């Protein structure tokens, strides 16, 4: 059993592999009311690319703030990009990325700039003891 790290945090169990759509909407068939709203499954496991199109890794998780607003995107970097897991602030409506794209676009030109802008995460901290 997973325990949340902080009181009030949500732990989602995705053990039902038959479910392909994960989202925050009551009716999964209901279209999001705002253009910036999207199902979580539209970005989880997406390939993350830098501005020049270079691969960086895969979106492994999303982080929301206490009001439920998306705050950060967690990316597991490929070995060619240096490996590790990094969190990047979600740009919201000001960013160039759209959930309609088949990849998640990072607003950085080089791997070095992206690594300096992201927050490196130690995934051991998230494992339950």
Foldseek 3Di string as FASTA:
>chain_A
DADDPDPQDDDDDPPPVVDQWAADDPDPVDDDPDQQGDTPSLAAQFFEAEPVRHTFFGFHDWDADSVRHTFWTKGAGDVVLPGAIWIAGDPGPVDPDGSVDRHHYDHHHDSVVVVVRTDTDDCVVRDDD
